[in-house]
PDB file of all heavy atoms in Angstrom:
ATOM      1  N   ILE A   1     101.318  68.912  26.136  1.00  0.00           N
ATOM      2  CA  ILE A   1     102.206  69.565  27.107  1.00  0.00           C
ATOM      3  C   ILE A   1     101.398  70.583  27.877  1.00  0.00           C
ATOM      4  O   ILE A   1     100.684  71.395  27.301  1.00  0.00           O
ATOM      5  CB  ILE A   1     103.366  70.248  26.382  1.00  0.00           C
ATOM      6  CG1 ILE A   1     104.162  69.225  25.575  1.00  0.00           C
ATOM      7  CG2 ILE A   1     104.268  70.981  27.352  1.00  0.00           C
ATOM      8  CD1 ILE A   1     105.246  69.832  24.748  1.00  0.00           C
ATOM      9  N   ARG A   2     101.505  70.552  29.160  1.00  0.00           N
ATOM     10  CA  ARG A   2     100.888  71.567  30.009  1.00  0.00           C
ATOM     11  C   ARG A   2     101.848  72.742  30.114  1.00  0.00           C
ATOM     12  O   ARG A   2     102.942  72.614  30.622  1.00  0.00           O
ATOM     13  CB  ARG A   2     100.587  71.002  31.397  1.00  0.00           C
ATOM     14  CG  ARG A   2      99.471  69.971  31.409  1.00  0.00           C
ATOM     15  CD  ARG A   2      99.293  69.423  32.812  1.00  0.00           C
ATOM     16  NE  ARG A   2      99.008  70.471  33.769  1.00  0.00           N
ATOM     17  CZ  ARG A   2      97.784  70.906  34.066  1.00  0.00           C
ATOM     18  NH1 ARG A   2      96.735  70.398  33.452  1.00  0.00           N
ATOM     19  NH2 ARG A   2      97.605  71.866  34.951  1.00  0.00           N
ATOM     20  N   LEU A   3     101.440  73.886  29.600  1.00  0.00           N
ATOM     21  CA  LEU A   3     102.324  75.040  29.602  1.00  0.00           C
ATOM     22  C   LEU A   3     102.651  75.492  31.001  1.00  0.00           C
ATOM     23  O   LEU A   3     103.724  76.029  31.255  1.00  0.00           O
ATOM     24  CB  LEU A   3     101.669  76.191  28.819  1.00  0.00           C
ATOM     25  CG  LEU A   3     101.391  75.901  27.338  1.00  0.00           C
ATOM     26  CD1 LEU A   3     100.768  77.124  26.696  1.00  0.00           C
ATOM     27  CD2 LEU A   3     102.662  75.504  26.612  1.00  0.00           C
ATOM     28  N   ASP A   4     101.660  75.289  31.927  1.00  0.00           N
ATOM     29  CA  ASP A   4     101.941  75.714  33.293  1.00  0.00           C
ATOM     30  C   ASP A   4     102.924  74.797  33.996  1.00  0.00           C
ATOM     31  O   ASP A   4     103.401  75.103  35.082  1.00  0.00           O
ATOM     32  CB  ASP A   4     100.638  75.774  34.093  1.00  0.00           C
ATOM     33  CG  ASP A   4      99.948  74.412  34.092  1.00  0.00           C
ATOM     34  OD1 ASP A   4      99.914  73.755  33.013  1.00  0.00           O
ATOM     35  OD2 ASP A   4      99.494  74.003  35.148  1.00  0.00           O
ATOM     36  N   ALA A   5     103.246  73.620  33.353  1.00  0.00           N
ATOM     37  CA  ALA A   5     104.209  72.705  33.963  1.00  0.00           C
ATOM     38  C   ALA A   5     105.640  72.953  33.502  1.00  0.00           C
ATOM     39  O   ALA A   5     106.563  72.330  33.996  1.00  0.00           O
ATOM     40  CB  ALA A   5     103.822  71.245  33.636  1.00  0.00           C
ATOM     41  N   LEU A   6     105.806  73.843  32.510  1.00  0.00           N
ATOM     42  CA  LEU A   6     107.156  74.148  32.048  1.00  0.00           C
ATOM     43  C   LEU A   6     107.918  74.907  33.113  1.00  0.00           C
ATOM     44  O   LEU A   6     107.333  75.609  33.932  1.00  0.00           O
ATOM     45  CB  LEU A   6     107.099  74.969  30.751  1.00  0.00           C
ATOM     46  CG  LEU A   6     106.512  74.246  29.533  1.00  0.00           C
ATOM     47  CD1 LEU A   6     106.442  75.202  28.352  1.00  0.00           C
ATOM     48  CD2 LEU A   6     107.324  73.020  29.177  1.00  0.00           C
ATOM     49  N   LEU A   7     109.234  74.788  33.068  1.00  0.00           N
ATOM     50  CA  LEU A   7     110.067  75.459  34.050  1.00  0.00           C
ATOM     51  C   LEU A   7     109.980  76.964  33.871  1.00  0.00           C
ATOM     52  O   LEU A   7     110.025  77.483  32.754  1.00  0.00           O
ATOM     53  CB  LEU A   7     111.535  75.015  33.898  1.00  0.00           C
ATOM     54  CG  LEU A   7     111.818  73.544  34.198  1.00  0.00           C
ATOM     55  CD1 LEU A   7     113.286  73.232  33.932  1.00  0.00           C
ATOM     56  CD2 LEU A   7     111.456  73.221  35.637  1.00  0.00           C
ATOM     57  N   ALA A   8     109.818  77.661  34.979  1.00  0.00           N
ATOM     58  CA  ALA A   8     109.734  79.113  34.944  1.00  0.00           C
ATOM     59  C   ALA A   8     111.133  79.707  34.917  1.00  0.00           C
ATOM     60  O   ALA A   8     112.070  79.154  35.477  1.00  0.00           O
ATOM     61  CB  ALA A   8     108.969  79.640  36.158  1.00  0.00           C
ATOM     62  N   ILE A   9     111.265  80.848  34.237  1.00  0.00           N
ATOM     63  CA  ILE A   9     112.537  81.553  34.134  1.00  0.00           C
ATOM     64  C   ILE A   9     112.496  82.735  35.072  1.00  0.00           C
ATOM     65  O   ILE A   9     111.625  83.594  34.961  1.00  0.00           O
ATOM     66  CB  ILE A   9     112.795  82.012  32.699  1.00  0.00           C
ATOM     67  CG1 ILE A   9     112.819  80.808  31.756  1.00  0.00           C
ATOM     68  CG2 ILE A   9     114.105  82.795  32.605  1.00  0.00           C
ATOM     69  CD1 ILE A   9     113.020  81.183  30.318  1.00  0.00           C
ATOM     70  N   SER A  10     113.419  82.762  35.996  1.00  0.00           N
ATOM     71  CA  SER A  10     113.447  83.862  36.957  1.00  0.00           C
ATOM     72  C   SER A  10     114.047  85.094  36.308  1.00  0.00           C
ATOM     73  O   SER A  10     114.589  85.054  35.199  1.00  0.00           O
ATOM     74  CB  SER A  10     114.263  83.448  38.185  1.00  0.00           C
ATOM     75  OG  SER A  10     115.599  83.188  37.813  1.00  0.00           O
ATOM     76  N   MET A  11     114.007  86.204  37.027  1.00  0.00           N
ATOM     77  CA  MET A  11     114.550  87.446  36.497  1.00  0.00           C
ATOM     78  C   MET A  11     116.067  87.371  36.341  1.00  0.00           C
ATOM     79  O   MET A  11     116.646  88.006  35.475  1.00  0.00           O
ATOM     80  CB  MET A  11     114.180  88.598  37.441  1.00  0.00           C
ATOM     81  CG  MET A  11     112.701  88.931  37.428  1.00  0.00           C
ATOM     82  SD  MET A  11     112.121  89.385  35.781  1.00  0.00           S
ATOM     83  CE  MET A  11     113.084  90.869  35.524  1.00  0.00           C
ATOM     84  N   GLU A  12     116.709  86.552  37.186  1.00  0.00           N
ATOM     85  CA  GLU A  12     118.156  86.426  37.075  1.00  0.00           C
ATOM     86  C   GLU A  12     118.561  85.693  35.800  1.00  0.00           C
ATOM     87  O   GLU A  12     119.653  85.876  35.286  1.00  0.00           O
ATOM     88  CB  GLU A  12     118.726  85.686  38.298  1.00  0.00           C
ATOM     89  CG  GLU A  12     118.646  86.485  39.601  1.00  0.00           C
ATOM     90  CD  GLU A  12     117.252  86.436  40.203  1.00  0.00           C
ATOM     91  OE1 GLU A  12     116.413  85.663  39.678  1.00  0.00           O
ATOM     92  OE2 GLU A  12     116.998  87.156  41.165  1.00  0.00           O
ATOM     93  N   ASP A  13     117.643  84.817  35.270  1.00  0.00           N
ATOM     94  CA  ASP A  13     117.950  84.031  34.082  1.00  0.00           C
ATOM     95  C   ASP A  13     117.420  84.659  32.819  1.00  0.00           C
ATOM     96  O   ASP A  13     117.547  84.087  31.739  1.00  0.00           O
ATOM     97  CB  ASP A  13     117.371  82.613  34.217  1.00  0.00           C
ATOM     98  CG  ASP A  13     117.944  81.884  35.415  1.00  0.00           C
ATOM     99  OD1 ASP A  13     119.111  82.172  35.764  1.00  0.00           O
ATOM    100  OD2 ASP A  13     117.229  81.049  35.985  1.00  0.00           O
ATOM    101  N   THR A  14     116.807  85.828  32.914  1.00  0.00           N
ATOM    102  CA  THR A  14     116.199  86.431  31.741  1.00  0.00           C
ATOM    103  C   THR A  14     117.269  86.894  30.769  1.00  0.00           C
ATOM    104  O   THR A  14     118.282  87.463  31.162  1.00  0.00           O
ATOM    105  CB  THR A  14     115.335  87.643  32.157  1.00  0.00           C
ATOM    106  OG1 THR A  14     114.379  87.198  33.106  1.00  0.00           O
ATOM    107  CG2 THR A  14     114.630  88.243  30.948  1.00  0.00           C
ATOM    108  N   VAL A  15     117.052  86.612  29.481  1.00  0.00           N
ATOM    109  CA  VAL A  15     117.957  87.038  28.422  1.00  0.00           C
ATOM    110  C   VAL A  15     117.369  88.258  27.759  1.00  0.00           C
ATOM    111  O   VAL A  15     116.238  88.225  27.276  1.00  0.00           O
ATOM    112  CB  VAL A  15     118.174  85.910  27.376  1.00  0.00           C
ATOM    113  CG1 VAL A  15     119.096  86.406  26.268  1.00  0.00           C
ATOM    114  CG2 VAL A  15     118.740  84.684  28.054  1.00  0.00           C
ATOM    115  N   HIS A  16     118.096  89.360  27.719  1.00  0.00           N
ATOM    116  CA  HIS A  16     117.617  90.597  27.132  1.00  0.00           C
ATOM    117  C   HIS A  16     118.204  90.735  25.738  1.00  0.00           C
ATOM    118  O   HIS A  16     119.414  90.720  25.556  1.00  0.00           O
ATOM    119  CB  HIS A  16     118.054  91.792  27.994  1.00  0.00           C
ATOM    120  CG  HIS A  16     117.525  91.722  29.410  1.00  0.00           C
ATOM    121  ND1 HIS A  16     116.244  92.059  29.743  1.00  0.00           N
ATOM    122  CD2 HIS A  16     118.136  91.316  30.561  1.00  0.00           C
ATOM    123  CE1 HIS A  16     116.075  91.900  31.055  1.00  0.00           C
ATOM    124  NE2 HIS A  16     117.220  91.445  31.563  1.00  0.00           N
ATOM    125  N   ASP A  17     117.353  90.868  24.751  1.00  0.00           N
ATOM    126  CA  ASP A  17     117.797  91.033  23.383  1.00  0.00           C
ATOM    127  C   ASP A  17     118.085  92.482  23.049  1.00  0.00           C
ATOM    128  O   ASP A  17     118.808  92.784  22.114  1.00  0.00           O
ATOM    129  CB  ASP A  17     116.745  90.490  22.409  1.00  0.00           C
ATOM    130  CG  ASP A  17     116.588  88.980  22.556  1.00  0.00           C
ATOM    131  OD1 ASP A  17     117.578  88.339  22.955  1.00  0.00           O
ATOM    132  OD2 ASP A  17     115.509  88.482  22.276  1.00  0.00           O
ATOM    133  N   SER A  18     117.499  93.402  23.760  1.00  0.00           N
ATOM    134  CA  SER A  18     117.670  94.808  23.445  1.00  0.00           C
ATOM    135  C   SER A  18     119.058  95.269  23.849  1.00  0.00           C
ATOM    136  O   SER A  18     119.570  94.906  24.893  1.00  0.00           O
ATOM    137  CB  SER A  18     116.619  95.663  24.177  1.00  0.00           C
ATOM    138  OG  SER A  18     116.865  97.042  23.965  1.00  0.00           O
ATOM    139  N   SER A  19     119.681  96.055  22.978  1.00  0.00           N
ATOM    140  CA  SER A  19     121.022  96.570  23.272  1.00  0.00           C
ATOM    141  C   SER A  19     120.996  97.631  24.351  1.00  0.00           C
ATOM    142  O   SER A  19     122.028  97.972  24.912  1.00  0.00           O
ATOM    143  CB  SER A  19     121.640  97.152  21.989  1.00  0.00           C
ATOM    144  OG  SER A  19     120.834  98.195  21.491  1.00  0.00           O
ATOM    145  N   ASP A  20     119.792  98.191  24.648  1.00  0.00           N
ATOM    146  CA  ASP A  20     119.712  99.223  25.673  1.00  0.00           C
ATOM    147  C   ASP A  20     119.806  98.645  27.064  1.00  0.00           C
ATOM    148  O   ASP A  20     120.099  99.347  28.023  1.00  0.00           O
ATOM    149  CB  ASP A  20     118.394 100.006  25.528  1.00  0.00           C
ATOM    150  CG  ASP A  20     118.356 100.772  24.219  1.00  0.00           C
ATOM    151  OD1 ASP A  20     119.454 101.116  23.701  1.00  0.00           O
ATOM    152  OD2 ASP A  20     117.254 101.015  23.712  1.00  0.00           O
ATOM    153  N   VAL A  21     119.488  97.349  27.160  1.00  0.00           N
ATOM    154  CA  VAL A  21     119.513  96.712  28.470  1.00  0.00           C
ATOM    155  C   VAL A  21     120.915  96.162  28.703  1.00  0.00           C
ATOM    156  O   VAL A  21     121.395  95.343  27.942  1.00  0.00           O
ATOM    157  CB  VAL A  21     118.470  95.579  28.559  1.00  0.00           C
ATOM    158  CG1 VAL A  21     118.501  94.952  29.936  1.00  0.00           C
ATOM    159  CG2 VAL A  21     117.090  96.132  28.234  1.00  0.00           C
ATOM    160  N   GLY A  22     121.566  96.564  29.695  1.00  0.00           N
ATOM    161  CA  GLY A  22     122.922  96.095  29.952  1.00  0.00           C
ATOM    162  C   GLY A  22     123.498  96.841  31.134  1.00  0.00           C
ATOM    163  O   GLY A  22     122.811  97.605  31.810  1.00  0.00           O
ATOM    164  N   PRO A  23     124.749  96.639  31.381  1.00  0.00           N
ATOM    165  CA  PRO A  23     125.366  97.315  32.521  1.00  0.00           C
ATOM    166  C   PRO A  23     125.421  98.812  32.298  1.00  0.00           C
ATOM    167  O   PRO A  23     125.586  99.291  31.183  1.00  0.00           O
ATOM    168  CB  PRO A  23     126.775  96.709  32.569  1.00  0.00           C
ATOM    169  CG  PRO A  23     127.020  96.223  31.179  1.00  0.00           C
ATOM    170  CD  PRO A  23     125.693  95.792  30.668  1.00  0.00           C
ATOM    171  N   THR A  24     125.232  99.529  33.355  1.00  0.00           N
ATOM    172  CA  THR A  24     125.304 100.979  33.268  1.00  0.00           C
ATOM    173  C   THR A  24     126.746 101.416  33.117  1.00  0.00           C
ATOM    174  O   THR A  24     127.677 100.605  33.172  1.00  0.00           O
ATOM    175  CB  THR A  24     124.697 101.607  34.535  1.00  0.00           C
ATOM    176  OG1 THR A  24     125.477 101.182  35.656  1.00  0.00           O
ATOM    177  CG2 THR A  24     123.254 101.185  34.709  1.00  0.00           C
ATOM    178  N   LEU A  25     126.938 102.698  32.935  1.00  0.00           N
ATOM    179  CA  LEU A  25     128.276 103.214  32.723  1.00  0.00           C
ATOM    180  C   LEU A  25     129.172 102.998  33.942  1.00  0.00           C
ATOM    181  O   LEU A  25     130.352 102.736  33.829  1.00  0.00           O
ATOM    182  CB  LEU A  25     128.194 104.703  32.380  1.00  0.00           C
ATOM    183  CG  LEU A  25     129.521 105.388  32.007  1.00  0.00           C
ATOM    184  CD1 LEU A  25     130.103 104.731  30.774  1.00  0.00           C
ATOM    185  CD2 LEU A  25     129.300 106.871  31.767  1.00  0.00           C
ATOM    186  N   THR A  26     128.530 103.071  35.101  1.00  0.00           N
ATOM    187  CA  THR A  26     129.317 102.874  36.320  1.00  0.00           C
ATOM    188  C   THR A  26     129.689 101.412  36.522  1.00  0.00           C
ATOM    189  O   THR A  26     130.673 101.123  37.189  1.00  0.00           O
ATOM    190  CB  THR A  26     128.530 103.370  37.541  1.00  0.00           C
ATOM    191  OG1 THR A  26     127.256 102.683  37.590  1.00  0.00           O
ATOM    192  CG2 THR A  26     128.263 104.867  37.419  1.00  0.00           C
TER     193      THR A  26
END
């Protein structure tokens, strides 16, 4: 498998595992 041929994940599709990352209070 060519790693550079795998589908890239954009910032909109990024999954954040940290609980600190999320919607702000507003």
